[in-house]
Amino acid sequence: MKTTIYNATIVNEGRQFIGSVIIEDELITDIIEGAVTDLDDTSDDQMQIDATGLYLFPGVIDTHVHFREPGLTHKADIESESRTAAAGGVTSYMEMPNTLPPTTTLERLEEKFQLAQEKSRVNYSFFFGASKENVELLKELDSSRVPGVKVFMGSSTGNMVIDDDDVMWNIFANSPLRIVAHCEEDYIIRQNIEQFKRKYKGQNDFPVRYHSRIRSVEACYEASNRAVRLARKTGARLHIAHISSARELDLLLPPNEGSSLNKKTVTGEACIAHLMFSTEDYDQLGTKIKCNPSVKTPEDKQALRDALCSGLIDIVATDHAPHLLSEKEGGALKAMSGMPLIQYSLVSMLEMCDDGCFPIERIPQLMSHNPADLYCIDRRGFIRKGYYADLVLVDPNANWAVSEERNFTKCGWTPMEDHTFKWKVVRTFVNGNTVYLNGSISDGVRGKELVYKP
């Protein structure tokens, strides 16, 4: 099957231009600059898509998601959340290990790959979870299949936190893969909770607006700083997940022109929640924006946005983490942390672009090119000849309200519920196949396992 997408505004590798992309089966076979007025090939096995007025981006690679399978499928699963990803222009994802049971053995890792092969509408991969018991297994991980090792230096869903310094040292010293760290110091969080309990005379929960003071900037910075020190002493490659504060940016290295991102020793990720929300939004959205690490001040949010433009932040992901609304009841302690955002990540970034935060060319850099480079993903993340045709067409003038559209996530809600976006994903291609088109998912399409070539 041959597909021609013509007269799109292509945004790719630092530039934008009017052009056409030719796809044959799974791969991009040609990219033609300039507007097209007449197409020669009109045979039956040729599909032609007029993309006049639309923007064409490489598909988003989301390197940080929680799809909840196995064990937590009452709120999400690989099928439902991969459909949600496709609706947001996300063509590949890397899923975290804090499921039930956690992905801390080679057998459980293989089970996830098998589930995704059967169910996932987009391309997939899975991180391996480090624990006190499995340090020796890290050397057995297949670097062509596994993107990295996840370390929880702070509690989250699944309670995989590692609080033993010797174990942490061994993980950093022995992992052959990049370590992705959730950085919050549990002892600081516990101290903050005790202070609030003394202040509120033993209460077991507090208003959600205090969540950012319990899971504080200090808790994030101290853990991130400890992780950076460990990486430098052991020679480990470290990726700090979901950076949420301006102070943590001091730990990151500026980009090195011309050098491979994969060789960068310390890299950083910002997530949509911390880029779109701040402590000022608690009054309106309450526990819907409760996440770990917590959203921080408006000044922190702005600092993160600035870091996207300067290059201090390397990657934007979602930390897509569905919970039922009933599980979000309570306050700073009892409500579960996490929110479903993958369907709205690309359009949120485009909104920030319209707000003047960064040029539009930075979006594929942060959401497609850099993820592919950091993890050495084979032939994805760029609009290039010979690469897989993972693409997304976006309408820049849709002006649509989230509440009027289908929310694909299984948990059935989003903190974006009353938001109106100017940009809208209209079509998503995975390996040359249309998986999403104008509100509908093609259930016959399946993604492929990501392959890494360090």
Protein backbone atom coordinates (compact mmCIF):
# COMPACT_ATOMS: atom_id res chain seq x y z
CA MET A 1 0.00 0.00 0.00
CA LYS A 2 1.30 3.43 -0.96
CA THR A 3 0.15 6.55 0.88
CA THR A 4 0.87 10.15 -0.05
CA ILE A 5 0.31 12.91 2.50
CA TYR A 6 0.57 16.11 0.51
CA ASN A 7 0.62 19.87 1.14
CA ALA A 8 1.21 19.49 4.87
CA THR A 9 3.20 21.95 6.95
CA ILE A 10 5.93 19.55 8.02
CA VAL A 11 7.66 20.30 11.35
CA ASN A 12 10.79 18.21 11.69
CA GLU A 13 14.48 18.50 12.62
CA GLY A 14 14.47 22.18 13.48
CA ARG A 15 12.47 23.54 10.54
CA GLN A 16 9.01 23.72 9.01
CA PHE A 17 8.06 23.67 5.34
CA ILE A 18 5.20 22.79 3.02
CA GLY A 19 5.72 19.35 1.58
CA SER A 20 4.63 15.77 1.02
CA VAL A 21 5.53 12.47 2.64
CA ILE A 22 5.38 9.23 0.68
CA ILE A 23 4.75 6.01 2.62
CA GLU A 24 5.03 2.49 1.27
CA ASP A 25 3.78 -0.15 3.66
CA GLU A 26 5.49 0.66 7.01
CA LEU A 27 8.21 3.04 5.91
CA ILE A 28 8.69 6.58 4.67
CA THR A 29 10.13 6.34 1.17
CA ASP A 30 10.30 10.00 0.18
CA ILE A 31 9.89 13.54 1.46
CA ILE A 32 9.19 16.19 -1.16
CA GLU A 33 9.40 19.88 -0.40
CA GLY A 34 6.97 22.33 -1.99
CA ALA A 35 3.25 22.47 -2.65
CA VAL A 36 1.64 19.90 -4.96
CA THR A 37 -1.06 20.84 -7.43
CA ASP A 38 -1.33 17.58 -9.40
CA LEU A 39 -0.68 14.01 -8.25
CA ASP A 40 0.42 11.55 -10.92
CA ASP A 41 -0.29 8.22 -9.25
CA THR A 42 -4.02 7.55 -8.83
CA SER A 43 -3.94 3.73 -8.87
CA ASP A 44 -6.21 1.64 -6.66
CA ASP A 45 -3.45 0.76 -4.19
CA GLN A 46 -2.61 4.41 -3.64
CA MET A 47 -4.15 6.51 -0.84
CA GLN A 48 -3.82 10.27 -1.16
CA ILE A 49 -4.39 12.54 1.84
CA ASP A 50 -4.75 16.26 1.25
CA ALA A 51 -3.18 17.86 4.32
CA THR A 52 -3.56 21.45 3.20
CA GLY A 53 -3.78 23.66 6.29
CA LEU A 54 -2.66 20.85 8.60
CA TYR A 55 0.64 20.36 10.41
CA LEU A 56 2.53 17.08 10.16
CA PHE A 57 4.76 16.03 13.08
CA PRO A 58 6.71 12.87 13.79
CA GLY A 59 4.67 10.75 16.17
CA VAL A 60 5.19 11.51 19.84
CA ILE A 61 7.33 9.06 21.83
CA ASP A 62 6.12 9.16 25.44
CA THR A 63 8.90 7.80 27.61
CA HIS A 64 6.95 7.81 30.88
CA VAL A 65 3.52 6.20 31.22
CA HIS A 66 1.64 3.96 33.64
CA PHE A 67 -0.88 1.75 31.85
CA ARG A 68 -1.71 -0.26 35.01
CA GLU A 69 -1.56 -3.78 33.55
CA PRO A 70 -1.28 -6.21 35.25
CA GLY A 71 -3.03 -5.86 38.57
CA LEU A 72 -4.70 -2.46 38.35
CA THR A 73 -6.82 -2.92 35.25
CA HIS A 74 -10.00 -1.63 36.89
CA LYS A 75 -8.67 1.87 36.09
CA ALA A 76 -6.59 1.34 32.93
CA ASP A 77 -4.97 -1.32 30.77
CA ILE A 78 -2.67 -1.60 27.77
CA GLU A 79 -5.52 -1.71 25.27
CA SER A 80 -7.46 1.28 26.64
CA GLU A 81 -4.46 3.52 27.23
CA SER A 82 -2.75 2.72 23.92
CA ARG A 83 -5.99 3.79 22.24
CA THR A 84 -5.85 6.96 24.32
CA ALA A 85 -2.25 7.49 23.22
CA ALA A 86 -3.20 7.18 19.55
CA ALA A 87 -5.93 9.80 20.00
CA GLY A 88 -3.26 12.19 21.30
CA GLY A 89 -0.75 11.65 18.51
CA VAL A 90 1.46 9.39 20.65
CA THR A 91 2.78 6.57 18.45
CA SER A 92 5.20 4.93 20.92
CA TYR A 93 5.36 4.63 24.69
CA MET A 94 7.64 3.27 27.42
CA GLU A 95 5.72 1.95 30.39
CA MET A 96 6.88 1.96 34.00
CA PRO A 97 7.29 -1.15 36.20
CA ASN A 98 5.13 -0.28 39.24
CA THR A 99 2.24 -2.56 38.34
CA LEU A 100 0.93 -5.38 40.52
CA PRO A 101 3.01 -7.46 40.61
CA PRO A 102 5.85 -5.08 39.74
CA THR A 103 8.03 -5.71 36.69
CA THR A 104 11.06 -6.82 38.67
CA THR A 105 11.72 -10.24 37.12
CA LEU A 106 12.56 -11.25 33.57
CA GLU A 107 9.43 -13.42 33.46
CA ARG A 108 7.12 -10.53 34.35
CA LEU A 109 8.86 -8.32 31.82
CA GLU A 110 8.26 -10.89 29.09
CA GLU A 111 4.61 -11.19 30.11
CA LYS A 112 4.18 -7.45 29.53
CA PHE A 113 5.73 -7.67 26.08
CA GLN A 114 3.31 -10.49 25.22
CA LEU A 115 0.31 -8.49 26.46
CA ALA A 116 1.35 -5.48 24.40
CA GLN A 117 1.91 -7.56 21.29
CA GLU A 118 -1.71 -8.69 21.54
CA LYS A 119 -3.33 -5.46 22.68
CA SER A 120 -1.32 -2.31 21.98
CA ARG A 121 -2.59 0.01 19.23
CA VAL A 122 0.73 1.87 19.16
CA ASN A 123 4.40 0.91 19.55
CA TYR A 124 5.52 -0.16 23.00
CA SER A 125 8.35 -0.86 25.38
CA PHE A 126 8.79 -1.47 29.12
CA PHE A 127 11.22 -0.37 31.79
CA PHE A 128 12.60 -2.88 34.26
CA GLY A 129 12.09 -2.09 37.94
CA ALA A 130 15.06 -2.16 40.30
CA SER A 131 14.55 -3.68 43.74
CA LYS A 132 16.58 -4.84 46.71
CA GLU A 133 16.44 -8.43 45.46
CA ASN A 134 17.17 -8.17 41.73
CA VAL A 135 20.44 -6.24 41.32
CA GLU A 136 22.14 -9.24 39.71
CA LEU A 137 19.39 -9.45 37.09
CA LEU A 138 20.28 -6.02 35.72
CA LYS A 139 23.26 -7.48 33.86
CA GLU A 140 20.95 -9.93 32.09
CA LEU A 141 18.69 -7.28 30.55
CA ASP A 142 18.63 -7.19 26.76
CA SER A 143 19.72 -3.69 25.73
CA SER A 144 18.02 -4.10 22.35
CA ARG A 145 14.63 -4.56 24.06
CA VAL A 146 14.73 -2.72 27.40
CA PRO A 147 15.18 1.09 27.44
CA GLY A 148 16.32 1.45 31.03
CA VAL A 149 16.06 0.62 34.71
CA LYS A 150 13.53 2.48 36.86
CA VAL A 151 14.52 3.39 40.42
CA PHE A 152 12.02 4.80 42.90
CA MET A 153 13.83 7.11 45.32
CA GLY A 154 10.41 8.10 46.63
CA SER A 155 7.14 6.26 47.21
CA SER A 156 4.53 6.06 44.46
CA THR A 157 1.88 3.63 43.23
CA GLY A 158 3.16 0.12 43.90
CA ASN A 159 5.49 1.12 46.76
CA MET A 160 8.77 0.17 45.06
CA VAL A 161 10.84 2.73 46.97
CA ILE A 162 14.46 1.76 47.70
CA ASP A 163 15.67 3.24 50.99
CA ASP A 164 18.90 1.27 51.43
CA ASP A 165 22.01 3.25 50.42
CA ASP A 166 24.07 0.13 49.73
CA VAL A 167 21.41 -1.29 47.43
CA MET A 168 21.13 2.02 45.62
CA TRP A 169 24.90 2.13 45.12
CA ASN A 170 24.88 -1.42 43.70
CA ILE A 171 22.09 -0.55 41.27
CA PHE A 172 23.91 2.51 39.97
CA ALA A 173 27.22 0.65 39.80
CA ASN A 174 25.86 -2.43 38.03
CA SER A 175 23.15 -1.24 35.66
CA PRO A 176 24.31 -1.46 32.03
CA LEU A 177 21.28 0.62 31.01
CA ARG A 178 20.31 4.20 31.73
CA ILE A 179 18.74 4.63 35.16
CA VAL A 180 15.47 6.55 35.27
CA ALA A 181 14.92 7.89 38.77
CA HIS A 182 11.82 9.05 40.59
CA CYS A 183 13.47 11.54 42.94
CA GLU A 184 11.76 12.43 46.22
CA GLU A 185 13.32 11.91 49.66
CA ASP A 186 10.90 9.87 51.75
CA TYR A 187 12.38 10.96 55.09
CA ILE A 188 11.68 14.62 54.24
CA ILE A 189 8.14 13.77 53.18
CA ARG A 190 7.58 11.86 56.44
CA GLN A 191 8.91 14.80 58.47
CA ASN A 192 6.59 17.18 56.65
CA ILE A 193 3.61 14.92 57.31
CA GLU A 194 4.42 14.75 61.01
CA GLN A 195 4.67 18.54 61.16
CA PHE A 196 1.21 18.88 59.62
CA LYS A 197 -0.21 16.27 62.01
CA ARG A 198 1.15 18.19 64.98
CA LYS A 199 -0.23 21.42 63.60
CA TYR A 200 -3.64 19.90 62.93
CA LYS A 201 -3.71 17.84 66.17
CA GLY A 202 -3.38 14.36 64.71
CA GLN A 203 -5.61 14.69 61.68
CA ASN A 204 -5.09 11.91 59.14
CA ASP A 205 -5.65 14.04 56.06
CA PHE A 206 -5.28 17.68 55.01
CA PRO A 207 -6.57 19.90 52.21
CA VAL A 208 -4.93 18.99 48.91
CA ARG A 209 -3.33 22.44 48.59
CA TYR A 210 -0.82 21.27 51.23
CA HIS A 211 0.37 18.40 49.03
CA SER A 212 3.04 20.63 47.50
CA ARG A 213 4.36 21.49 50.96
CA ILE A 214 4.46 17.85 52.02
CA ARG A 215 6.11 16.61 48.81
CA SER A 216 8.21 19.72 48.79
CA VAL A 217 10.89 21.27 46.62
CA GLU A 218 13.42 20.22 49.25
CA ALA A 219 12.30 16.58 49.03
CA CYS A 220 12.73 16.62 45.25
CA TYR A 221 16.03 18.46 45.22
CA GLU A 222 17.71 16.35 47.89
CA ALA A 223 16.84 13.09 46.12
CA SER A 224 17.80 14.44 42.68
CA ASN A 225 21.10 15.72 44.08
CA ARG A 226 21.79 12.34 45.67
CA ALA A 227 21.07 10.59 42.38
CA VAL A 228 23.41 12.89 40.47
CA ARG A 229 26.19 12.31 43.00
CA LEU A 230 25.71 8.55 42.72
CA ALA A 231 25.80 8.72 38.93
CA ARG A 232 29.05 10.69 38.97
CA LYS A 233 30.73 8.35 41.44
CA THR A 234 29.66 5.13 39.72
CA GLY A 235 29.71 6.25 36.08
CA ALA A 236 26.02 5.43 35.63
CA ARG A 237 23.92 7.24 33.05
CA LEU A 238 21.05 8.96 34.87
CA HIS A 239 17.73 10.35 33.67
CA ILE A 240 15.81 12.37 36.27
CA ALA A 241 12.10 11.81 35.74
CA HIS A 242 9.38 14.45 36.12
CA ILE A 243 11.48 17.39 37.32
CA SER A 244 9.04 19.71 39.05
CA SER A 245 11.02 22.62 40.51
CA ALA A 246 13.34 25.40 39.41
CA ARG A 247 15.93 24.35 41.98
CA GLU A 248 16.44 20.92 40.40
CA LEU A 249 17.39 22.55 37.10
CA ASP A 250 20.71 23.53 38.69
CA LEU A 251 21.68 19.84 38.64
CA LEU A 252 21.32 19.46 34.87
CA LEU A 253 23.97 19.83 32.22
CA PRO A 254 23.57 22.21 29.27
CA PRO A 255 23.32 20.58 25.84
CA ASN A 256 26.55 19.76 24.02
CA GLU A 257 26.30 20.81 20.40
CA GLY A 258 26.97 17.95 18.03
CA SER A 259 27.24 15.26 20.70
CA SER A 260 24.85 12.33 21.03
CA LEU A 261 22.18 12.74 23.68
CA ASN A 262 22.70 9.08 24.57
CA LYS A 263 26.22 9.93 25.76
CA LYS A 264 25.01 12.68 28.09
CA THR A 265 25.56 11.46 31.64
CA VAL A 266 22.69 13.29 33.35
CA THR A 267 19.49 14.11 31.50
CA GLY A 268 16.16 15.52 32.61
CA GLU A 269 12.47 15.15 31.87
CA ALA A 270 9.56 17.52 32.37
CA CYS A 271 5.99 16.26 32.44
CA ILE A 272 2.84 17.91 31.15
CA ALA A 273 1.32 18.20 34.64
CA HIS A 274 4.15 20.41 35.92
CA LEU A 275 4.16 22.46 32.72
CA MET A 276 0.41 23.09 32.66
CA PHE A 277 -0.60 23.29 36.34
CA SER A 278 0.66 24.98 39.50
CA THR A 279 -0.36 25.42 43.13
CA GLU A 280 -2.74 28.17 42.01
CA ASP A 281 -4.89 25.51 40.30
CA TYR A 282 -5.65 23.50 43.44
CA ASP A 283 -8.67 25.64 44.34
CA GLN A 284 -10.35 24.89 41.02
CA LEU A 285 -9.14 21.36 40.23
CA GLY A 286 -8.47 19.94 43.69
CA THR A 287 -7.17 16.39 43.80
CA LYS A 288 -7.51 16.00 40.03
CA ILE A 289 -4.06 17.59 39.77
CA LYS A 290 -2.57 15.76 42.75
CA CYS A 291 0.51 13.91 41.50
CA ASN A 292 3.94 12.77 42.69
CA PRO A 293 6.08 14.83 42.55
CA SER A 294 3.56 17.54 43.33
CA VAL A 295 2.84 20.50 41.10
CA LYS A 296 4.79 23.46 42.39
CA THR A 297 4.50 27.27 42.28
CA PRO A 298 3.78 29.35 39.18
CA GLU A 299 7.43 30.41 39.28
CA ASP A 300 8.54 26.78 39.16
CA LYS A 301 6.19 26.11 36.25
CA GLN A 302 7.64 29.05 34.33
CA ALA A 303 11.21 27.94 35.05
CA LEU A 304 10.42 24.51 33.61
CA ARG A 305 8.92 26.07 30.50
CA ASP A 306 12.01 28.24 30.08
CA ALA A 307 14.21 25.15 30.43
CA LEU A 308 12.42 23.56 27.47
CA CYS A 309 13.61 26.42 25.31
CA SER A 310 17.16 26.59 26.67
CA GLY A 311 17.79 22.85 26.34
CA LEU A 312 18.32 22.15 30.05
CA ILE A 313 15.29 19.85 29.90
CA ASP A 314 15.87 17.10 27.34
CA ILE A 315 12.50 15.37 27.09
CA VAL A 316 8.81 16.06 27.67
CA ALA A 317 6.66 13.11 28.75
CA THR A 318 3.30 12.72 30.47
CA ASP A 319 3.65 10.41 33.49
CA HIS A 320 0.17 9.34 32.35
CA ALA A 321 -1.22 7.74 35.52
CA PRO A 322 -4.96 6.93 35.54
CA HIS A 323 -7.01 6.46 38.70
CA LEU A 324 -10.77 6.26 39.13
CA LEU A 325 -12.37 9.48 40.35
CA SER A 326 -13.45 7.61 43.48
CA GLU A 327 -9.76 6.96 44.16
CA LYS A 328 -9.06 10.69 43.91
CA GLU A 329 -11.36 11.44 46.85
CA GLY A 330 -9.74 12.82 49.96
CA GLY A 331 -6.96 15.34 50.41
CA ALA A 332 -3.19 15.67 50.51
CA LEU A 333 -2.70 12.20 52.02
CA LYS A 334 -5.67 10.02 51.12
CA ALA A 335 -6.38 10.93 47.49
CA MET A 336 -4.32 8.87 45.05
CA SER A 337 -1.65 10.70 43.07
CA GLY A 338 -1.59 10.76 39.29
CA MET A 339 -3.65 11.96 36.35
CA PRO A 340 -4.44 10.83 32.79
CA LEU A 341 -2.88 13.26 30.28
CA ILE A 342 -1.54 11.32 27.29
CA GLN A 343 -4.46 12.28 25.04
CA TYR A 344 -3.68 15.97 25.53
CA SER A 345 0.13 16.14 25.68
CA LEU A 346 0.83 17.26 22.12
CA VAL A 347 -1.96 19.85 21.99
CA SER A 348 -0.84 21.16 25.40
CA MET A 349 2.67 21.69 24.08
CA LEU A 350 1.28 23.44 21.00
CA GLU A 351 -0.73 25.71 23.28
CA MET A 352 2.45 26.61 25.17
CA CYS A 353 4.06 27.36 21.82
CA ASP A 354 1.22 29.76 20.99
CA ASP A 355 1.78 31.38 24.39
CA GLY A 356 5.33 32.19 23.32
CA CYS A 357 7.10 29.65 25.57
CA PHE A 358 9.20 28.18 22.75
CA PRO A 359 9.18 27.90 18.94
CA ILE A 360 7.11 25.15 17.36
CA GLU A 361 10.25 23.39 16.14
CA ARG A 362 11.13 22.57 19.77
CA ILE A 363 8.08 20.33 20.11
CA PRO A 364 9.26 17.43 17.92
CA GLN A 365 12.73 17.91 19.38
CA LEU A 366 11.46 17.37 22.92
CA MET A 367 8.72 14.82 22.24
CA SER A 368 10.10 12.75 19.33
CA HIS A 369 13.72 13.42 18.30
CA ASN A 370 15.29 13.53 21.76
CA PRO A 371 13.47 10.46 23.10
CA ALA A 372 14.64 8.53 20.02
CA ASP A 373 18.20 9.80 20.42
CA LEU A 374 18.41 9.30 24.19
CA TYR A 375 17.34 5.67 24.00
CA CYS A 376 18.78 4.92 20.53
CA ILE A 377 15.41 3.82 19.16
CA ASP A 378 15.70 2.18 15.77
CA ARG A 379 14.27 4.32 12.93
CA ARG A 380 11.68 6.27 14.87
CA GLY A 381 11.22 9.82 16.14
CA PHE A 382 11.99 11.61 12.86
CA ILE A 383 10.39 12.17 9.47
CA ARG A 384 13.17 10.61 7.40
CA LYS A 385 13.47 8.30 4.42
CA GLY A 386 13.72 4.71 5.56
CA TYR A 387 12.15 5.43 8.95
CA TYR A 388 8.90 3.94 10.19
CA ALA A 389 5.92 6.08 9.25
CA ASP A 390 4.87 7.14 12.75
CA LEU A 391 3.20 10.47 12.05
CA VAL A 392 0.50 12.78 13.36
CA LEU A 393 -1.60 15.36 11.51
CA VAL A 394 -2.82 18.29 13.59
CA ASP A 395 -5.38 21.00 12.80
CA PRO A 396 -4.15 24.41 14.04
CA ASN A 397 -7.58 26.05 14.03
CA ALA A 398 -9.98 23.50 15.51
CA ASN A 399 -10.95 25.44 18.69
CA TRP A 400 -12.51 22.47 20.44
CA ALA A 401 -13.62 21.88 24.01
CA VAL A 402 -12.37 18.74 25.74
CA SER A 403 -15.78 18.21 27.35
CA GLU A 404 -17.36 17.86 23.90
CA GLU A 405 -15.00 15.12 22.72
CA ARG A 406 -14.52 11.47 23.62
CA ASN A 407 -12.13 10.81 26.50
CA PHE A 408 -10.53 7.48 25.60
CA THR A 409 -8.84 6.64 28.91
CA LYS A 410 -10.52 3.83 30.81
CA CYS A 411 -10.78 5.85 34.03
CA GLY A 412 -13.08 8.25 32.17
CA TRP A 413 -11.86 11.69 33.26
CA THR A 414 -9.09 14.23 32.77
CA PRO A 415 -8.05 17.46 34.54
CA MET A 416 -8.37 19.07 31.09
CA GLU A 417 -12.14 18.52 31.17
CA ASP A 418 -13.23 22.16 30.74
CA HIS A 419 -10.27 23.24 28.64
CA THR A 420 -10.60 24.58 25.10
CA PHE A 421 -7.72 23.86 22.74
CA LYS A 422 -6.97 25.59 19.46
CA TRP A 423 -4.95 22.64 18.10
CA LYS A 424 -6.45 19.20 17.54
CA VAL A 425 -5.05 15.83 16.54
CA VAL A 426 -7.00 14.65 13.50
CA ARG A 427 -5.04 11.63 12.28
CA THR A 428 -2.35 9.36 13.71
CA PHE A 429 -0.26 6.90 11.71
CA VAL A 430 1.57 3.97 13.31
CA ASN A 431 3.93 2.06 11.04
CA GLY A 432 2.17 3.55 8.02
CA ASN A 433 -1.33 2.58 9.18
CA THR A 434 -4.04 4.99 10.26
CA VAL A 435 -4.76 4.08 13.87
CA TYR A 436 -6.77 7.21 14.77
CA LEU A 437 -8.94 9.42 12.55
CA ASN A 438 -11.29 12.18 13.68
CA GLY A 439 -12.40 10.62 16.93
CA SER A 440 -12.30 6.95 15.91
CA ILE A 441 -9.74 4.22 16.57
CA SER A 442 -8.94 1.55 14.00
CA ASP A 443 -9.06 -1.55 16.17
CA GLY A 444 -7.33 -3.69 13.54
CA VAL A 445 -4.01 -1.87 13.94
CA ARG A 446 -1.34 -3.09 16.34
CA GLY A 447 1.93 -1.45 17.24
CA LYS A 448 5.38 -3.00 17.25
CA GLU A 449 7.93 -3.56 19.98
CA LEU A 450 10.50 -0.78 20.02
CA VAL A 451 14.04 -1.84 19.15
CA TYR A 452 17.13 -0.11 20.54
CA LYS A 453 20.48 0.09 18.79
CA PRO A 454 23.01 1.66 21.20
